[in-house]
Amino acid sequence: MHQHLEPDGDGRRRAARPQRRRRGLTVKPWVKTSLAPGSQVVGEYLAKSGLQKDLDKLGFNLVGYGCTTCIGNSGPLPPEISKTINDNDLVAAAVLSGNRNFEGRVNQDVRAQLSASPPLVGRLCHRPAR
């Protein structure tokens, strides 16, 4: 699963807010994360609020602004995940807040894309630490 956040400023704050309240969250090992706000202004909101530090800890590091992940610029999946997908003819899915949901757009191994609100995208990739 590949998850990407690309919301407006308000959506970004809602997506990140739980990270400030909950401790012990981690990202599931099969989730590839990226963060590409629609503008530098949103990046500034995140930095000034301290939310970017929390997102960085979860792997949602800033990779650019605007269309990045949803046009395939997030890099390859880990080799073992790509191999498992292809060896087993699996349909891997991306969950993103952007509107680039057609086969192969995010990654050549990802055949399904689902659109969700920024807070839901963030929630789908977290799990309590054990």
Foldseek 3Di string as FASTA:
>chain_A
DEEEEADALVLVCLQQVVLVVDPQKEFPPQYQAEYAYQDVVSVVVCVVVVSQVSCVVRVHHYPYYRDAQQQQNPDDGPPVVLCVCVVVVHAAEYEYQDDSFAQQRRHVSHHGYHHDGSNVSSVVGIDGHD
